[in-house]
Amino acid sequence: MSNYRVIKTPQDVTVVIDIPGAVAASDICVELLDSNTLSIAVPSLGGYLLTIPLPLSTSQDGCTVRFKKKSRQLSVKLVDVEQTLAASGAETTEYAGEKSREAQGLSDCSTTERSAIATAEQSYAAAQAVCDTSVAASAFTSVAALTDAKYGARKSSARSQAVKSLAAALEKRGWAVCDDFVQPSRVIEIREELERLQRAGLYDTGRVGPSGTGRHEMATLRGDKVLWLDAAGLAAHPNLRVLAQEMDELIEKELCGRVARLQHLEGRTDAMLTNYPGNGAR
């Protein structure tokens, strides 16, 4: 449960929400479910979702969202686009917000979908030159991650926007960044699997690729440790296997048809795992 305040003036309404836990502005998802209902979601906090009824009718264009990281306060200013509020002066009303049961749907969203939505949000923010303490409300489709059929169209739209952003970056620069592709809890699990492989002594010293001699040469200047895993090797490590599958799905099913250099891609080689143990390793 989280408290929020609704501050009304004749021209607009400002909703101030106390966000539990330490989060970044990009973690907060704000959306109008309809002209009179505001949705706040923070997927990184386990699918926390707050639905707030509004005392006015507005639209996405009438929203201005700001987040103060230190105080963890989110303020959403909404301009009445259809009518003027009857109140003649400023009025503040206290409410106790509750988690919606729809929050459970966020936990069913795949890692690929969550990361795609996060990338779409960041791409929009960058395009609009929004600073890290200001979030463009129209960029956030929090309920897009829900599996409920009511939000299926929003989920599809957010994913499509994210893939288009990645494809455009690949066409322009030859590389792209997909932030938060792996969730923090999964990172820990993947790291544990990598450490077990390292303790088993399965890594080998990095080598320089074939030169004119056609042979791999051991390079003294390299200190990285490399391990190649085929399908059987990945099958023995569930978190690494899922990570590889999600990367394959994003590239083969989503990007190959949009990026010219990937259109003839048939697959990938074995998965390469690299460990940089420090001491100048490169």
Protein backbone atom coordinates (compact mmCIF):
# COMPACT_ATOMS: atom_id res chain seq x y z
CA MET A 1 0.00 0.00 0.00
CA SER A 2 1.24 3.49 -0.82
CA ASN A 3 -0.12 6.94 0.02
CA TYR A 4 -0.77 9.58 -2.55
CA ARG A 5 -2.21 13.10 -2.58
CA VAL A 6 -4.43 14.75 -5.14
CA ILE A 7 -4.01 18.53 -5.36
CA LYS A 8 -6.76 20.24 -7.35
CA THR A 9 -6.86 23.72 -8.84
CA PRO A 10 -9.37 25.17 -11.33
CA GLN A 11 -6.95 24.47 -14.19
CA ASP A 12 -5.27 21.17 -13.34
CA VAL A 13 -4.75 18.28 -10.93
CA THR A 14 -1.42 17.14 -9.48
CA VAL A 15 -1.09 13.64 -8.06
CA VAL A 16 1.85 13.16 -5.67
CA ILE A 17 2.80 9.54 -4.96
CA ASP A 18 5.33 8.20 -2.43
CA ILE A 19 7.32 5.48 -4.21
CA PRO A 20 8.56 2.71 -1.89
CA GLY A 21 12.17 1.64 -2.31
CA ALA A 22 15.11 3.13 -4.21
CA VAL A 23 14.30 3.38 -7.92
CA ALA A 24 15.39 5.42 -10.91
CA ALA A 25 13.10 7.57 -13.02
CA SER A 26 13.34 5.03 -15.86
CA ASP A 27 11.96 2.33 -13.54
CA ILE A 28 8.64 4.12 -13.08
CA CYS A 29 5.86 3.53 -15.58
CA VAL A 30 3.00 6.03 -15.81
CA GLU A 31 -0.03 5.68 -18.05
CA LEU A 32 -3.62 6.79 -18.39
CA LEU A 33 -5.82 3.70 -18.61
CA ASP A 34 -8.66 5.97 -19.69
CA SER A 35 -9.39 9.67 -19.39
CA ASN A 36 -10.19 9.35 -15.67
CA THR A 37 -7.81 6.66 -14.36
CA LEU A 38 -4.06 6.94 -13.75
CA SER A 39 -1.82 3.86 -13.50
CA ILE A 40 1.58 3.80 -11.74
CA ALA A 41 3.82 0.72 -12.03
CA VAL A 42 7.35 -0.04 -10.87
CA PRO A 43 8.31 -3.45 -12.35
CA SER A 44 11.68 -3.44 -10.56
CA LEU A 45 9.83 -3.52 -7.23
CA GLY A 46 8.16 -6.79 -8.06
CA GLY A 47 5.24 -5.51 -10.11
CA TYR A 48 4.04 -2.77 -7.74
CA LEU A 49 1.00 -1.22 -9.37
CA LEU A 50 -1.24 1.62 -8.19
CA THR A 51 -4.44 2.66 -9.93
CA ILE A 52 -5.77 6.14 -9.09
CA PRO A 53 -9.19 7.54 -10.06
CA LEU A 54 -8.96 11.14 -11.24
CA PRO A 55 -11.39 13.98 -10.48
CA LEU A 56 -11.15 15.22 -14.06
CA SER A 57 -11.10 14.06 -17.64
CA THR A 58 -7.75 14.38 -19.41
CA SER A 59 -5.55 12.80 -22.08
CA GLN A 60 -1.97 11.56 -22.37
CA ASP A 61 -0.97 14.88 -23.90
CA GLY A 62 -2.17 16.61 -20.76
CA CYS A 63 0.28 14.76 -18.48
CA THR A 64 3.56 16.07 -17.08
CA VAL A 65 5.53 13.65 -14.91
CA ARG A 66 8.43 14.44 -12.58
CA PHE A 67 10.30 12.21 -10.15
CA LYS A 68 12.45 13.41 -7.23
CA LYS A 69 14.93 10.62 -6.59
CA LYS A 70 16.07 11.75 -3.13
CA SER A 71 12.60 12.08 -1.65
CA ARG A 72 11.23 9.25 -3.86
CA GLN A 73 8.23 11.39 -4.73
CA LEU A 74 6.53 11.12 -8.09
CA SER A 75 4.34 14.01 -9.19
CA VAL A 76 1.96 13.76 -12.14
CA LYS A 77 0.40 17.02 -13.28
CA LEU A 78 -2.71 16.59 -15.40
CA VAL A 79 -4.38 19.39 -17.31
CA ASP A 80 -8.15 19.24 -17.70
CA VAL A 81 -8.58 19.12 -21.45
CA GLU A 82 -12.37 18.79 -21.54
CA GLN A 83 -13.72 20.80 -18.66
CA THR A 84 -12.78 23.30 -15.94
CA LEU A 85 -12.91 22.05 -12.40
CA ALA A 86 -15.72 23.46 -10.32
CA ALA A 87 -13.41 24.17 -7.38
CA SER A 88 -12.53 27.84 -7.10
CA GLY A 89 -9.35 27.44 -5.05
CA ALA A 90 -6.65 24.87 -4.42
CA GLU A 91 -7.91 21.81 -2.60
CA THR A 92 -5.90 18.87 -1.28
CA THR A 93 -7.39 15.46 -0.60
CA GLU A 94 -5.58 12.52 1.02
CA TYR A 95 -6.14 9.00 -0.26
CA ALA A 96 -4.71 5.60 0.57
CA GLY A 97 -3.75 3.86 -2.63
CA GLU A 98 -3.80 0.10 -2.94
CA LYS A 99 -1.96 -2.37 -5.11
CA SER A 100 -4.06 -3.62 -7.95
CA ARG A 101 -4.48 -7.35 -8.48
CA GLU A 102 -3.31 -6.67 -12.02
CA ALA A 103 0.20 -6.22 -10.55
CA GLN A 104 0.48 -9.99 -10.49
CA GLY A 105 0.44 -9.95 -14.29
CA LEU A 106 3.76 -8.08 -14.40
CA SER A 107 5.56 -11.04 -12.89
CA ASP A 108 4.40 -13.18 -15.82
CA CYS A 109 6.08 -10.90 -18.35
CA SER A 110 9.20 -12.41 -19.95
CA THR A 111 12.63 -10.84 -19.55
CA THR A 112 12.68 -9.99 -23.25
CA GLU A 113 9.37 -8.12 -23.01
CA ARG A 114 10.44 -6.17 -19.90
CA SER A 115 13.75 -5.18 -21.45
CA ALA A 116 12.06 -4.20 -24.73
CA ILE A 117 9.66 -1.94 -22.88
CA ALA A 118 12.51 -0.39 -20.89
CA THR A 119 14.45 0.29 -24.10
CA ALA A 120 11.42 1.91 -25.73
CA GLU A 121 10.97 4.18 -22.74
CA GLN A 122 14.62 5.26 -22.72
CA SER A 123 14.66 5.84 -26.48
CA TYR A 124 11.63 8.10 -26.23
CA ALA A 125 13.14 10.01 -23.32
CA ALA A 126 16.39 10.54 -25.20
CA ALA A 127 14.55 11.72 -28.30
CA GLN A 128 12.62 14.24 -26.25
CA ALA A 129 15.75 15.38 -24.38
CA VAL A 130 14.14 14.65 -21.03
CA CYS A 131 16.49 14.89 -18.04
CA ASP A 132 16.77 12.02 -15.55
CA THR A 133 14.38 13.70 -13.11
CA SER A 134 11.62 14.11 -15.64
CA VAL A 135 9.70 11.32 -17.28
CA ALA A 136 7.56 11.77 -20.37
CA ALA A 137 4.25 10.19 -19.49
CA SER A 138 3.42 9.22 -23.03
CA ALA A 139 6.56 7.08 -23.21
CA PHE A 140 5.56 4.79 -20.42
CA THR A 141 3.26 1.86 -21.04
CA SER A 142 3.38 0.16 -17.68
CA VAL A 143 0.43 -2.08 -18.30
CA ALA A 144 1.97 -3.18 -21.59
CA ALA A 145 3.77 -5.91 -19.69
CA LEU A 146 0.52 -7.39 -18.33
CA THR A 147 -0.67 -10.58 -19.93
CA ASP A 148 -4.33 -9.59 -19.55
CA ALA A 149 -5.95 -9.41 -22.98
CA LYS A 150 -7.21 -5.91 -22.17
CA TYR A 151 -3.67 -4.61 -22.53
CA GLY A 152 -2.52 -6.87 -25.36
CA ALA A 153 -2.50 -4.03 -27.89
CA ARG A 154 -0.40 -1.82 -25.63
CA LYS A 155 2.10 -4.63 -25.04
CA SER A 156 2.43 -5.25 -28.75
CA SER A 157 2.89 -1.54 -29.45
CA ALA A 158 5.61 -1.10 -26.81
CA ARG A 159 7.51 -4.15 -28.00
CA SER A 160 7.28 -3.01 -31.61
CA GLN A 161 8.59 0.45 -30.69
CA ALA A 162 11.50 -1.07 -28.79
CA VAL A 163 12.47 -3.37 -31.65
CA LYS A 164 12.29 -0.49 -34.14
CA SER A 165 14.62 1.54 -31.91
CA LEU A 166 17.14 -1.30 -31.75
CA ALA A 167 16.92 -1.92 -35.49
CA ALA A 168 17.47 1.77 -36.27
CA ALA A 169 20.57 1.85 -34.07
CA LEU A 170 21.99 -1.26 -35.74
CA GLU A 171 21.42 0.19 -39.20
CA LYS A 172 23.00 3.53 -38.26
CA ARG A 173 25.92 2.48 -36.04
CA GLY A 174 26.28 -1.25 -36.50
CA TRP A 175 25.65 -1.84 -32.79
CA ALA A 176 22.88 -1.22 -30.28
CA VAL A 177 22.37 -1.28 -26.51
CA CYS A 178 19.42 -2.98 -24.84
CA ASP A 179 19.48 -1.85 -21.22
CA ASP A 180 18.08 -4.10 -18.50
CA PHE A 181 17.91 -7.07 -20.84
CA VAL A 182 18.69 -9.26 -17.83
CA GLN A 183 16.98 -8.53 -14.52
CA PRO A 184 19.18 -8.11 -11.39
CA SER A 185 18.02 -11.37 -9.81
CA ARG A 186 18.88 -13.26 -12.98
CA VAL A 187 22.30 -11.59 -13.16
CA ILE A 188 23.16 -13.10 -9.78
CA GLU A 189 22.05 -16.56 -10.88
CA ILE A 190 24.00 -16.35 -14.16
CA ARG A 191 27.10 -15.16 -12.31
CA GLU A 192 26.89 -18.15 -9.96
CA GLU A 193 26.83 -20.51 -12.94
CA LEU A 194 29.84 -18.75 -14.49
CA GLU A 195 31.77 -18.99 -11.23
CA ARG A 196 31.07 -22.72 -10.98
CA LEU A 197 32.46 -23.18 -14.50
CA GLN A 198 35.53 -21.17 -13.54
CA ARG A 199 36.15 -23.23 -10.40
CA ALA A 200 35.91 -26.37 -12.52
CA GLY A 201 38.87 -25.10 -14.55
CA LEU A 202 37.02 -25.17 -17.86
CA TYR A 203 38.11 -21.73 -19.08
CA ASP A 204 41.10 -21.34 -21.37
CA THR A 205 43.35 -18.33 -21.96
CA GLY A 206 42.15 -16.03 -24.74
CA ARG A 207 43.82 -16.44 -28.09
CA VAL A 208 44.46 -14.25 -31.10
CA GLY A 209 42.43 -15.35 -34.14
CA PRO A 210 43.89 -17.04 -37.22
CA SER A 211 46.41 -14.91 -39.07
CA GLY A 212 48.28 -15.62 -42.27
CA THR A 213 49.36 -18.95 -40.79
CA GLY A 214 45.77 -20.05 -40.28
CA ARG A 215 46.53 -20.96 -36.67
CA HIS A 216 45.34 -19.60 -33.34
CA GLU A 217 48.20 -18.03 -31.45
CA MET A 218 48.55 -17.75 -27.68
CA ALA A 219 48.98 -14.04 -26.92
CA THR A 220 50.94 -13.06 -23.82
CA LEU A 221 49.28 -9.64 -23.82
CA ARG A 222 45.87 -11.21 -23.20
CA GLY A 223 44.67 -12.24 -19.76
CA ASP A 224 41.02 -13.00 -20.41
CA LYS A 225 39.64 -16.51 -19.92
CA VAL A 226 37.32 -17.96 -22.57
CA LEU A 227 34.93 -20.89 -22.67
CA TRP A 228 32.78 -22.00 -25.61
CA LEU A 229 29.51 -23.83 -24.85
CA ASP A 230 27.54 -25.76 -27.44
CA ALA A 231 23.85 -26.64 -27.08
CA ALA A 232 24.63 -29.58 -24.78
CA GLY A 233 26.82 -27.40 -22.60
CA LEU A 234 24.13 -24.72 -22.32
CA ALA A 235 21.52 -27.33 -21.46
CA ALA A 236 23.47 -28.15 -18.30
CA HIS A 237 23.29 -24.54 -17.11
CA PRO A 238 19.63 -23.37 -17.09
CA ASN A 239 20.20 -19.64 -16.58
CA LEU A 240 22.80 -19.42 -19.35
CA ARG A 241 20.52 -21.49 -21.59
CA VAL A 242 17.55 -19.15 -21.05
CA LEU A 243 19.74 -16.09 -21.65
CA ALA A 244 20.97 -17.51 -24.96
CA GLN A 245 17.41 -18.41 -26.00
CA GLU A 246 16.12 -14.93 -25.27
CA MET A 247 18.97 -13.34 -27.23
CA ASP A 248 18.32 -15.71 -30.14
CA GLU A 249 14.61 -14.85 -30.07
CA LEU A 250 15.25 -11.10 -30.10
CA ILE A 251 17.76 -11.30 -32.95
CA GLU A 252 16.28 -14.03 -35.15
CA LYS A 253 12.57 -13.30 -34.74
CA GLU A 254 12.57 -9.53 -34.26
CA LEU A 255 15.67 -7.96 -35.80
CA CYS A 256 16.65 -10.14 -38.77
CA GLY A 257 13.70 -8.91 -40.79
CA ARG A 258 14.43 -5.26 -40.03
CA VAL A 259 18.22 -4.96 -40.36
CA ALA A 260 19.75 -5.44 -43.81
CA ARG A 261 22.99 -7.00 -42.52
CA LEU A 262 21.03 -9.62 -40.56
CA GLN A 263 18.55 -10.70 -43.21
CA HIS A 264 20.64 -13.69 -44.32
CA LEU A 265 21.53 -14.78 -40.80
CA GLU A 266 20.84 -18.49 -40.30
CA GLY A 267 22.04 -18.96 -36.74
CA ARG A 268 24.98 -18.48 -34.42
CA THR A 269 28.06 -20.38 -33.34
CA ASP A 270 28.54 -21.81 -29.87
CA ALA A 271 28.07 -19.38 -27.00
CA MET A 272 31.31 -17.70 -25.91
CA LEU A 273 31.72 -16.94 -22.21
CA THR A 274 34.55 -14.59 -21.25
CA ASN A 275 35.99 -13.83 -17.84
CA TYR A 276 38.27 -10.85 -17.17
CA PRO A 277 40.00 -11.66 -13.86
CA GLY A 278 41.72 -8.28 -13.48
CA ASN A 279 45.43 -7.51 -13.33
CA GLY A 280 45.34 -5.89 -16.75
CA ALA A 281 43.32 -8.63 -18.42
CA ARG A 282 42.02 -7.62 -21.85
